[in-house]
Amino acid sequence: MSSDTHGATVPTGSGLKQPYHLVDPSPWPIVGALGGFLTVFGIILAAHFGNYIVLVAGLAVVLLTMYRWWADVVKESRTPGLHSKVVQLGLRYGMLLFISSEVMFFVGFFWAYFNFLLFPETQGNGQTVWPPTNVLTFDPFHLPLLNTMILLLSGTTVTWAHHALLEGDRKGLLRGLGLTVILGMIFTCCQALEYSHAPFKFNGGGVYSSVFFLATGFHGFHVIVGTIFLAVCWFRAKDNQFTPDRHFGFEAAAWYWHFVDVVWLFLFAAIYWYGAGVIAVE
């Protein structure tokens, strides 16, 4: 047995390399762990002493680690022979498992929401209703419906970009990706506007506002992450880093974006529409 320059085991005399990519030694796992420790320790210092220096430093280290580590992965994907069919399959399994874990993350929020919706606590007036009688809710067919249309349209544009990539249409790929990124940013702006006009506050609406802001807020965070993901793909596509045969980075971003779309449809149907109570009039 011998090894090639990238650490892959080569069966002596067989002329075949094993199909796995054994990565070169990297500083980013230990640097990322240090950044995570500084971030958590910084949160404690900020909460108890109002000192944000360690928190900012920790976040900076985490962001640097993310950028450099993913840059290394992109570089590896462009190096011939490293990302074999088996490695690509492993990346697909990894992305699917990651999205599955994100699904269960939101299942927890929906579980909490439906627990209170189906078994509401008795109000001060003796009624058992959901949402609580003192909570005004959003009109589901106002800004929430607009956001739903924006995300559904973005799902269409990212699919357009995917088909353009498969057909070798670089202009269509860039246009579809660019429109998807713009729609993602518009969605985020609309949600920020919605929050600014919320008829209830995070710490003033009881359990309803807590579940609402946690579920929709974490979804908004996922939209921001997905938008950045797709923006990186746009720059990679502009640099001709994707081909019809090798484009898993874009494919993973598209899967993630469709997951974000589906979660929002459930949020709109369950929280905004089915769980609507007395509508706030602006």
Foldseek 3Di string as FASTA:
>chain_A
DDADPQGWDDPPPPPDTPQAGDHDDDPLVVLLVVLVVLLVVQVVCCVPPVDNPSNVVSVVSNVVSVVVVVVVVLVQLLDPRHCGPVNLVVVVVVLVVVLVVVVVVLVVLVVVVVVCQVANDQDPVRDGHFPDPVAAAAQLPDLVVVLLVLLVVLLVLLVQLLVCQLVVNLVSVLVSLVSSLVSLVVSLVSVVVCQVPHPADCPGRPPLSVSLCVNVVVLNVLSVVLSVLSVVVSVCSVVVSGHSVRDVSSVSSSVSSVSSSVSSVVCSVVPNPVRHDHHDDD
